[in-house]
């Protein structure tokens, strides 16, 4: 039964996650943290940070890891298949229609209409991470990490992946 739950969780999140990546993260978080309780919000946030640093699609990295944690090697395969299948099915079945209607104003409007929804979902996820971090590590460490992150990314123009790694080291040194 666990493999079916893994499949459903990742299939639904990736089926409904328009555009992949950022839009699927709140949906995966809802399934993994809220619905099934396989991880805490803090664990999900840590996994999200690590998945951002590694190359490749975020959803597949998260699916593979969570699937492995919940169901072992078979769970990882099931989660990866459920993550990839919605896109694969859409590409195979809808490719003909996409080429016919790619310049349609309705398709363009649908794409633009979905963007604010994705922004709101990501904003809610960011707020949840912020409030969880506020409770877990306290305001001082939260402000230090935010200030250092801002300085490194916007003033020194350091790549966000390196800033995330620096944040991981800061957490490992000062918060463990």
N, C-alpha and C. Protein backbone atom coordinates (compact mmCIF):
# COMPACT_ATOMS: atom_id res chain seq x y z
N UNK A 1 0.82 -1.20 0.00
CA UNK A 1 0.00 0.00 0.00
C UNK A 1 0.86 1.26 0.00
N UNK A 2 2.06 1.20 0.62
CA UNK A 2 2.91 2.38 0.69
C UNK A 2 3.36 2.82 -0.69
N UNK A 3 3.61 1.86 -1.57
CA UNK A 3 4.05 2.21 -2.92
C UNK A 3 2.94 2.92 -3.69
N UNK A 4 1.72 2.51 -3.47
CA UNK A 4 0.59 3.19 -4.11
C UNK A 4 0.48 4.63 -3.59
N UNK A 5 0.65 4.81 -2.28
CA UNK A 5 0.60 6.15 -1.70
C UNK A 5 1.72 7.03 -2.26
N UNK A 6 2.92 6.47 -2.40
CA UNK A 6 4.03 7.22 -2.98
C UNK A 6 3.70 7.62 -4.40
N UNK A 7 3.18 6.67 -5.16
CA UNK A 7 2.84 6.94 -6.56
C UNK A 7 1.79 8.05 -6.66
N UNK A 8 0.72 7.91 -5.90
CA UNK A 8 -0.37 8.89 -5.96
C UNK A 8 0.11 10.27 -5.54
N UNK A 9 0.89 10.35 -4.47
CA UNK A 9 1.37 11.64 -3.98
C UNK A 9 2.17 12.37 -5.05
N UNK A 10 3.11 11.70 -5.66
CA UNK A 10 3.97 12.37 -6.64
C UNK A 10 3.30 12.52 -8.00
N UNK A 11 2.45 11.59 -8.37
CA UNK A 11 1.75 11.70 -9.64
C UNK A 11 0.81 12.90 -9.63
N UNK A 12 0.04 13.04 -8.57
CA UNK A 12 -0.91 14.15 -8.47
C UNK A 12 -0.18 15.48 -8.43
N UNK A 13 0.86 15.56 -7.61
CA UNK A 13 1.61 16.82 -7.49
C UNK A 13 2.21 17.22 -8.83
N UNK A 14 2.76 16.27 -9.56
CA UNK A 14 3.38 16.60 -10.84
C UNK A 14 2.38 16.74 -11.96
N UNK A 15 1.23 16.12 -11.83
CA UNK A 15 0.17 16.29 -12.82
C UNK A 15 -0.43 17.69 -12.72
N UNK A 16 -0.62 18.16 -11.49
CA UNK A 16 -1.21 19.48 -11.29
C UNK A 16 -0.20 20.61 -11.31
N UNK A 17 1.07 20.30 -11.16
CA UNK A 17 2.12 21.32 -11.14
C UNK A 17 2.44 21.80 -12.53
N UNK A 18 1.84 22.88 -12.91
CA UNK A 18 2.02 23.44 -14.25
C UNK A 18 3.43 23.97 -14.41
N UNK A 19 4.14 23.50 -15.40
CA UNK A 19 5.46 24.02 -15.71
C UNK A 19 6.59 23.34 -14.97
N UNK A 20 6.28 22.37 -14.10
CA UNK A 20 7.33 21.65 -13.38
C UNK A 20 7.95 22.49 -12.28
N UNK A 21 9.09 22.05 -11.79
CA UNK A 21 9.91 22.73 -10.79
C UNK A 21 9.18 23.51 -9.73
N UNK A 22 9.27 24.84 -9.77
CA UNK A 22 8.74 25.67 -8.70
C UNK A 22 7.25 25.48 -8.42
N UNK A 23 6.48 25.21 -9.45
CA UNK A 23 5.04 25.07 -9.23
C UNK A 23 4.68 23.75 -8.55
N UNK A 24 5.53 22.74 -8.67
CA UNK A 24 5.21 21.45 -8.04
C UNK A 24 5.66 21.38 -6.58
N UNK A 25 6.59 22.21 -6.18
CA UNK A 25 7.14 22.13 -4.83
C UNK A 25 6.06 22.31 -3.76
N UNK A 26 5.20 23.33 -3.83
CA UNK A 26 4.14 23.44 -2.81
C UNK A 26 3.18 22.25 -2.83
N UNK A 27 2.95 21.68 -4.02
CA UNK A 27 2.05 20.54 -4.11
C UNK A 27 2.69 19.29 -3.50
N UNK A 28 3.98 19.09 -3.76
CA UNK A 28 4.70 17.98 -3.14
C UNK A 28 4.73 18.17 -1.62
N UNK A 29 4.99 19.40 -1.20
CA UNK A 29 5.02 19.69 0.23
C UNK A 29 3.68 19.36 0.89
N UNK A 30 2.60 19.71 0.22
CA UNK A 30 1.28 19.42 0.78
C UNK A 30 1.07 17.92 0.94
N UNK A 31 1.45 17.15 -0.07
CA UNK A 31 1.27 15.70 -0.01
C UNK A 31 2.18 15.06 1.04
N UNK A 32 3.45 15.43 1.02
CA UNK A 32 4.45 14.76 1.85
C UNK A 32 4.35 15.19 3.32
N UNK A 33 4.13 16.48 3.57
CA UNK A 33 4.10 16.98 4.95
C UNK A 33 2.68 16.95 5.51
N UNK A 34 1.74 17.54 4.81
CA UNK A 34 0.39 17.70 5.35
C UNK A 34 -0.47 16.45 5.22
N UNK A 35 -0.46 15.83 4.05
CA UNK A 35 -1.37 14.71 3.81
C UNK A 35 -0.87 13.40 4.40
N UNK A 36 0.35 13.01 4.04
CA UNK A 36 0.86 11.71 4.49
C UNK A 36 1.73 11.78 5.75
N UNK A 37 2.28 12.94 6.06
CA UNK A 37 3.10 13.09 7.25
C UNK A 37 4.43 12.33 7.20
N UNK A 38 4.97 12.18 6.00
CA UNK A 38 6.25 11.47 5.85
C UNK A 38 7.43 12.30 6.32
N UNK A 39 7.27 13.62 6.34
CA UNK A 39 8.34 14.52 6.76
C UNK A 39 7.72 15.67 7.53
N UNK A 40 8.56 16.34 8.31
CA UNK A 40 8.13 17.58 8.94
C UNK A 40 8.40 18.72 7.95
N UNK A 41 7.86 19.87 8.24
CA UNK A 41 8.10 21.03 7.40
C UNK A 41 9.58 21.40 7.41
N UNK A 42 10.22 21.25 8.56
CA UNK A 42 11.65 21.54 8.67
C UNK A 42 12.46 20.59 7.79
N UNK A 43 12.16 19.30 7.84
CA UNK A 43 12.87 18.32 7.02
C UNK A 43 12.65 18.60 5.53
N UNK A 44 11.42 18.96 5.19
CA UNK A 44 11.11 19.28 3.79
C UNK A 44 11.89 20.51 3.35
N UNK A 45 11.98 21.50 4.20
CA UNK A 45 12.75 22.70 3.88
C UNK A 45 14.22 22.40 3.67
N UNK A 46 14.77 21.53 4.53
CA UNK A 46 16.17 21.13 4.36
C UNK A 46 16.38 20.39 3.04
N UNK A 47 15.47 19.47 2.74
CA UNK A 47 15.55 18.73 1.48
C UNK A 47 15.43 19.67 0.29
N UNK A 48 14.54 20.63 0.38
CA UNK A 48 14.36 21.60 -0.70
C UNK A 48 15.63 22.41 -0.93
N UNK A 49 16.30 22.79 0.16
CA UNK A 49 17.55 23.55 0.03
C UNK A 49 18.63 22.70 -0.64
N UNK A 50 18.75 21.46 -0.22
CA UNK A 50 19.76 20.59 -0.81
C UNK A 50 19.42 20.29 -2.27
N UNK A 51 18.16 20.07 -2.57
CA UNK A 51 17.75 19.78 -3.96
C UNK A 51 18.02 20.97 -4.87
N UNK A 52 17.95 22.18 -4.34
CA UNK A 52 18.25 23.37 -5.14
C UNK A 52 19.72 23.46 -5.49
N UNK A 53 20.57 22.95 -4.63
CA UNK A 53 22.01 23.04 -4.86
C UNK A 53 22.45 22.03 -5.93
N UNK A 54 21.85 20.86 -5.92
CA UNK A 54 22.24 19.81 -6.85
C UNK A 54 21.73 20.10 -8.25
N UNK A 55 22.46 19.65 -9.28
CA UNK A 55 22.00 19.88 -10.65
C UNK A 55 20.82 18.99 -11.01
N UNK A 56 20.01 19.45 -11.95
CA UNK A 56 18.88 18.67 -12.43
C UNK A 56 17.56 19.18 -11.89
N UNK A 57 16.47 18.57 -12.35
CA UNK A 57 15.13 18.99 -11.92
C UNK A 57 14.91 18.75 -10.42
N UNK A 58 14.33 19.73 -9.77
CA UNK A 58 14.11 19.66 -8.33
C UNK A 58 13.13 18.54 -7.97
N UNK A 59 12.04 18.45 -8.71
CA UNK A 59 10.99 17.49 -8.37
C UNK A 59 11.49 16.05 -8.42
N UNK A 60 12.33 15.72 -9.39
CA UNK A 60 12.83 14.34 -9.47
C UNK A 60 13.80 14.04 -8.33
N UNK A 61 14.62 15.01 -7.96
CA UNK A 61 15.54 14.80 -6.84
C UNK A 61 14.77 14.60 -5.55
N UNK A 62 13.77 15.43 -5.34
CA UNK A 62 12.97 15.31 -4.13
C UNK A 62 12.17 14.01 -4.14
N UNK A 63 11.60 13.67 -5.29
CA UNK A 63 10.84 12.43 -5.39
C UNK A 63 11.69 11.21 -5.10
N UNK A 64 12.89 11.17 -5.69
CA UNK A 64 13.78 10.05 -5.45
C UNK A 64 14.16 9.91 -3.99
N UNK A 65 14.49 11.03 -3.35
CA UNK A 65 14.89 10.99 -1.95
C UNK A 65 13.73 10.58 -1.04
N UNK A 66 12.60 11.24 -1.21
CA UNK A 66 11.45 10.95 -0.36
C UNK A 66 10.97 9.52 -0.59
N UNK A 67 10.92 9.11 -1.85
CA UNK A 67 10.52 7.74 -2.16
C UNK A 67 11.43 6.73 -1.50
N UNK A 68 12.73 7.00 -1.51
CA UNK A 68 13.69 6.10 -0.88
C UNK A 68 13.51 6.07 0.64
N UNK A 69 13.31 7.24 1.24
CA UNK A 69 13.12 7.31 2.69
C UNK A 69 11.87 6.56 3.13
N UNK A 70 10.82 6.66 2.33
CA UNK A 70 9.54 6.06 2.72
C UNK A 70 9.46 4.59 2.33
N UNK A 71 9.94 4.24 1.13
CA UNK A 71 9.75 2.89 0.62
C UNK A 71 10.99 2.18 0.13
N UNK A 72 12.18 2.68 0.48
CA UNK A 72 13.40 2.03 0.05
C UNK A 72 13.66 2.21 -1.44
N UNK A 73 14.49 1.34 -2.02
CA UNK A 73 14.82 1.48 -3.44
C UNK A 73 13.60 1.41 -4.36
N UNK A 74 12.66 0.53 -4.04
CA UNK A 74 11.45 0.44 -4.87
C UNK A 74 10.63 1.72 -4.73
N UNK A 75 10.57 2.27 -3.53
CA UNK A 75 9.86 3.54 -3.32
C UNK A 75 10.48 4.66 -4.12
N UNK A 76 11.82 4.68 -4.24
CA UNK A 76 12.49 5.71 -5.05
C UNK A 76 12.11 5.55 -6.52
N UNK A 77 12.08 4.33 -7.01
CA UNK A 77 11.72 4.08 -8.41
C UNK A 77 10.27 4.48 -8.66
N UNK A 78 9.38 4.13 -7.73
CA UNK A 78 7.97 4.48 -7.87
C UNK A 78 7.79 6.00 -7.87
N UNK A 79 8.46 6.70 -6.95
CA UNK A 79 8.35 8.16 -6.87
C UNK A 79 8.90 8.82 -8.14
N UNK A 80 10.01 8.33 -8.63
CA UNK A 80 10.58 8.89 -9.87
C UNK A 80 9.66 8.65 -11.05
N UNK A 81 9.10 7.46 -11.14
CA UNK A 81 8.16 7.16 -12.23
C UNK A 81 6.93 8.07 -12.14
N UNK A 82 6.40 8.24 -10.94
CA UNK A 82 5.23 9.10 -10.76
C UNK A 82 5.55 10.57 -11.04
N UNK A 83 6.79 10.96 -10.82
CA UNK A 83 7.20 12.33 -11.10
C UNK A 83 7.33 12.58 -12.59
N UNK A 84 7.82 11.59 -13.31
CA UNK A 84 8.10 11.74 -14.74
C UNK A 84 6.88 11.45 -15.61
N UNK A 85 6.03 10.52 -15.19
CA UNK A 85 4.91 10.09 -16.02
C UNK A 85 3.97 11.20 -16.49
N UNK A 86 3.54 12.12 -15.63
CA UNK A 86 2.62 13.15 -16.14
C UNK A 86 3.19 13.93 -17.32
N UNK A 87 4.45 14.31 -17.23
CA UNK A 87 5.06 15.05 -18.34
C UNK A 87 5.22 14.17 -19.57
N UNK A 88 5.63 12.93 -19.35
CA UNK A 88 5.81 12.03 -20.48
C UNK A 88 4.48 11.77 -21.20
N UNK A 89 3.44 11.54 -20.45
CA UNK A 89 2.13 11.31 -21.05
C UNK A 89 1.66 12.56 -21.79
N UNK A 90 1.84 13.71 -21.17
CA UNK A 90 1.42 14.96 -21.82
C UNK A 90 2.18 15.19 -23.11
N UNK A 91 3.49 14.93 -23.10
CA UNK A 91 4.29 15.13 -24.31
C UNK A 91 3.85 14.19 -25.41
N UNK A 92 3.62 12.95 -25.07
CA UNK A 92 3.24 11.97 -26.09
C UNK A 92 1.86 12.25 -26.66
N UNK A 93 0.89 12.47 -25.80
CA UNK A 93 -0.50 12.63 -26.25
C UNK A 93 -0.77 14.03 -26.80
N UNK A 94 -0.26 15.05 -26.13
CA UNK A 94 -0.64 16.41 -26.48
C UNK A 94 0.30 17.11 -27.45
N UNK A 95 1.37 16.46 -27.85
CA UNK A 95 2.34 17.11 -28.72
C UNK A 95 1.70 17.63 -30.00
N UNK A 96 0.85 16.85 -30.58
CA UNK A 96 0.19 17.25 -31.83
C UNK A 96 -0.67 18.51 -31.62
N UNK A 97 -1.39 18.53 -30.51
CA UNK A 97 -2.26 19.67 -30.24
C UNK A 97 -1.47 20.93 -29.88
N UNK A 98 -0.36 20.75 -29.21
CA UNK A 98 0.48 21.89 -28.85
C UNK A 98 1.00 22.58 -30.10
N UNK A 99 1.43 21.80 -31.07
CA UNK A 99 1.94 22.41 -32.30
C UNK A 99 0.84 23.13 -33.06
N UNK A 100 -0.38 22.63 -32.97
CA UNK A 100 -1.50 23.28 -33.66
C UNK A 100 -1.88 24.61 -33.01
N UNK A 101 -1.83 24.66 -31.68
CA UNK A 101 -2.35 25.82 -30.96
C UNK A 101 -1.29 26.64 -30.23
N UNK A 102 -0.02 26.44 -30.54
CA UNK A 102 1.02 27.12 -29.77
C UNK A 102 0.98 28.64 -29.89
N UNK A 103 0.46 29.17 -30.99
CA UNK A 103 0.37 30.62 -31.16
C UNK A 103 -1.01 31.18 -30.83
N UNK A 104 -1.85 30.35 -30.27
CA UNK A 104 -3.21 30.76 -29.94
C UNK A 104 -3.21 31.76 -28.78
N UNK A 105 -3.99 32.81 -28.89
CA UNK A 105 -4.06 33.79 -27.79
C UNK A 105 -4.65 33.17 -26.51
N UNK A 106 -5.54 32.19 -26.66
CA UNK A 106 -6.13 31.55 -25.48
C UNK A 106 -5.06 30.78 -24.69
N UNK A 107 -4.18 30.09 -25.40
CA UNK A 107 -3.11 29.35 -24.72
C UNK A 107 -2.17 30.33 -24.01
N UNK A 108 -1.87 31.42 -24.65
CA UNK A 108 -1.01 32.44 -24.05
C UNK A 108 -1.66 33.03 -22.80
N UNK A 109 -2.96 33.30 -22.87
CA UNK A 109 -3.67 33.84 -21.70
C UNK A 109 -3.73 32.83 -20.56
N UNK A 110 -3.92 31.55 -20.90
CA UNK A 110 -3.94 30.52 -19.85
C UNK A 110 -2.60 30.47 -19.14
N UNK A 111 -1.53 30.55 -19.90
CA UNK A 111 -0.19 30.53 -19.31
C UNK A 111 0.01 31.72 -18.39
N UNK A 112 -0.41 32.88 -18.82
CA UNK A 112 -0.25 34.08 -17.99
C UNK A 112 -1.17 34.06 -16.77
N UNK A 113 -2.31 33.40 -16.88
CA UNK A 113 -3.24 33.33 -15.75
C UNK A 113 -2.73 32.41 -14.65
N UNK A 114 -1.93 31.44 -15.01
CA UNK A 114 -1.43 30.49 -14.03
C UNK A 114 -0.26 31.07 -13.23
N UNK A 115 0.48 31.99 -13.80
CA UNK A 115 1.67 32.53 -13.15
C UNK A 115 1.40 33.16 -11.78
N UNK A 116 0.34 33.95 -11.59
CA UNK A 116 0.08 34.50 -10.25
C UNK A 116 -0.24 33.40 -9.22
N UNK A 117 -0.90 32.35 -9.65
CA UNK A 117 -1.22 31.24 -8.74
C UNK A 117 0.07 30.59 -8.26
N UNK A 118 1.01 30.38 -9.18
CA UNK A 118 2.30 29.79 -8.81
C UNK A 118 3.03 30.72 -7.84
N UNK A 119 2.99 32.01 -8.11
CA UNK A 119 3.65 32.97 -7.22
C UNK A 119 3.05 32.92 -5.81
N UNK A 120 1.75 32.82 -5.71
CA UNK A 120 1.09 32.75 -4.41
C UNK A 120 1.46 31.46 -3.68
N UNK A 121 1.46 30.33 -4.41
CA UNK A 121 1.84 29.06 -3.79
C UNK A 121 3.27 29.10 -3.26
N UNK A 122 4.18 29.68 -4.03
CA UNK A 122 5.56 29.81 -3.58
C UNK A 122 5.67 30.77 -2.40
N UNK A 123 4.86 31.84 -2.42
CA UNK A 123 4.86 32.77 -1.29
C UNK A 123 4.38 32.12 -0.01
N UNK A 124 3.35 31.30 -0.10
CA UNK A 124 2.85 30.58 1.08
C UNK A 124 3.91 29.62 1.59
N UNK A 125 4.58 28.92 0.68
CA UNK A 125 5.65 28.00 1.08
C UNK A 125 6.79 28.75 1.75
N UNK A 126 7.18 29.90 1.20
CA UNK A 126 8.24 30.71 1.81
C UNK A 126 7.83 31.18 3.20
N UNK A 127 6.57 31.60 3.35
CA UNK A 127 6.09 32.03 4.66
C UNK A 127 6.13 30.89 5.67
N UNK A 128 5.73 29.68 5.24
CA UNK A 128 5.77 28.53 6.14
C UNK A 128 7.20 28.22 6.56
N UNK A 129 8.14 28.28 5.61
CA UNK A 129 9.54 28.05 5.95
C UNK A 129 10.04 29.12 6.92
N UNK A 130 9.66 30.38 6.67
CA UNK A 130 10.08 31.47 7.54
C UNK A 130 9.55 31.29 8.96
N UNK A 131 8.25 31.01 9.08
CA UNK A 131 7.68 30.88 10.42
C UNK A 131 8.24 29.66 11.14
N UNK A 132 8.48 28.58 10.41
CA UNK A 132 9.09 27.40 11.01
C UNK A 132 10.51 27.70 11.46
N UNK A 133 11.28 28.41 10.66
CA UNK A 133 12.65 28.78 11.02
C UNK A 133 12.66 29.73 12.20
N UNK A 134 11.72 30.65 12.24
CA UNK A 134 11.62 31.61 13.34
C UNK A 134 11.45 30.87 14.66
N UNK A 135 10.59 29.86 14.68
CA UNK A 135 10.34 29.10 15.90
C UNK A 135 11.53 28.20 16.23
N UNK A 136 12.12 27.58 15.21
CA UNK A 136 13.17 26.58 15.42
C UNK A 136 14.51 27.20 15.81
N UNK A 137 14.96 28.20 15.06
CA UNK A 137 16.32 28.72 15.31
C UNK A 137 16.34 30.08 15.98
N UNK A 138 15.23 30.76 16.05
CA UNK A 138 15.19 32.06 16.71
C UNK A 138 15.47 33.21 15.77
N UNK A 139 15.11 34.39 16.19
CA UNK A 139 15.19 35.59 15.36
C UNK A 139 16.63 35.98 15.05
N UNK A 140 17.54 35.80 16.00
CA UNK A 140 18.93 36.21 15.78
C UNK A 140 19.56 35.45 14.62
N UNK A 141 19.49 34.14 14.66
CA UNK A 141 20.09 33.33 13.59
C UNK A 141 19.36 33.55 12.27
N UNK A 142 18.05 33.72 12.34
CA UNK A 142 17.28 33.96 11.13
C UNK A 142 17.71 35.27 10.46
N UNK A 143 17.91 36.31 11.25
CA UNK A 143 18.35 37.60 10.70
C UNK A 143 19.78 37.52 10.17
N UNK A 144 20.64 36.79 10.87
CA UNK A 144 22.02 36.63 10.41
C UNK A 144 22.06 35.92 9.06
N UNK A 145 21.33 34.82 8.95
CA UNK A 145 21.32 34.06 7.70
C UNK A 145 20.71 34.91 6.57
N UNK A 146 19.64 35.62 6.86
CA UNK A 146 19.00 36.45 5.84
C UNK A 146 19.94 37.58 5.39
N UNK A 147 20.59 38.23 6.33
CA UNK A 147 21.49 39.34 5.99
C UNK A 147 22.70 38.84 5.21
N UNK A 148 23.31 37.76 5.66
CA UNK A 148 24.46 37.21 4.94
C UNK A 148 24.04 36.74 3.55
N UNK A 149 22.89 36.09 3.46
CA UNK A 149 22.39 35.65 2.16
C UNK A 149 22.17 36.82 1.21
N UNK A 150 21.58 37.89 1.73
CA UNK A 150 21.35 39.09 0.92
C UNK A 150 22.67 39.67 0.43
N UNK A 151 23.61 39.83 1.35
CA UNK A 151 24.90 40.42 0.98
C UNK A 151 25.64 39.56 -0.05
N UNK A 152 25.64 38.26 0.16
CA UNK A 152 26.35 37.39 -0.77
C UNK A 152 25.72 37.38 -2.17
N UNK A 153 24.40 37.31 -2.22
CA UNK A 153 23.74 37.21 -3.54
C UNK A 153 23.62 38.55 -4.26
N UNK A 154 23.21 39.59 -3.54
CA UNK A 154 22.90 40.83 -4.23
C UNK A 154 24.04 41.84 -4.25
N UNK A 155 24.88 41.81 -3.26
CA UNK A 155 26.00 42.76 -3.25
C UNK A 155 27.26 42.16 -3.87
N UNK A 156 27.55 40.89 -3.53
CA UNK A 156 28.77 40.25 -4.04
C UNK A 156 28.50 39.38 -5.28
N UNK A 157 27.23 39.24 -5.65
CA UNK A 157 26.82 38.50 -6.86
C UNK A 157 27.29 37.04 -6.84
N UNK A 158 27.23 36.40 -5.69
CA UNK A 158 27.60 34.99 -5.56
C UNK A 158 26.38 34.15 -5.93
N UNK A 159 26.62 33.05 -6.62
CA UNK A 159 25.55 32.17 -7.10
C UNK A 159 24.71 31.67 -5.91
N UNK A 160 23.37 31.62 -6.06
CA UNK A 160 22.50 31.17 -4.96
C UNK A 160 22.84 29.77 -4.43
N UNK A 161 23.31 28.88 -5.29
CA UNK A 161 23.66 27.53 -4.83
C UNK A 161 24.78 27.59 -3.81
N UNK A 162 25.75 28.46 -4.02
CA UNK A 162 26.85 28.61 -3.06
C UNK A 162 26.36 29.25 -1.76
N UNK A 163 25.40 30.15 -1.88
CA UNK A 163 24.83 30.78 -0.69
C UNK A 163 24.08 29.73 0.14
N UNK A 164 23.37 28.82 -0.53
CA UNK A 164 22.66 27.76 0.17
C UNK A 164 23.66 26.85 0.88
N UNK A 165 24.75 26.53 0.23
CA UNK A 165 25.80 25.70 0.85
C UNK A 165 26.36 26.42 2.07
N UNK A 166 26.60 27.72 1.95
CA UNK A 166 27.08 28.50 3.10
C UNK A 166 26.07 28.44 4.25
N UNK A 167 24.79 28.55 3.92
CA UNK A 167 23.74 28.44 4.93
C UNK A 167 23.72 27.08 5.61
N UNK A 168 23.97 26.03 4.82
CA UNK A 168 24.04 24.69 5.39
C UNK A 168 25.20 24.58 6.37
N UNK A 169 26.36 25.14 5.99
CA UNK A 169 27.51 25.12 6.89
C UNK A 169 27.23 25.93 8.15
N UNK A 170 26.62 27.09 7.98
CA UNK A 170 26.28 27.93 9.15
C UNK A 170 25.37 27.14 10.11
N UNK A 171 24.35 26.51 9.55
CA UNK A 171 23.46 25.71 10.38
C UNK A 171 24.16 24.55 11.05
N UNK A 172 25.06 23.90 10.31
CA UNK A 172 25.79 22.78 10.88
C UNK A 172 26.73 23.19 11.99
N UNK A 173 27.32 24.36 11.86
CA UNK A 173 28.30 24.82 12.86
C UNK A 173 27.61 25.44 14.08
N UNK A 174 26.66 26.34 13.84
CA UNK A 174 26.11 27.13 14.93
C UNK A 174 24.79 26.59 15.49
N UNK A 175 24.11 25.74 14.77
CA UNK A 175 22.77 25.32 15.23
C UNK A 175 22.68 23.85 15.56
N UNK A 176 23.76 23.11 15.50
CA UNK A 176 23.66 21.68 15.80
C UNK A 176 24.00 21.37 17.22
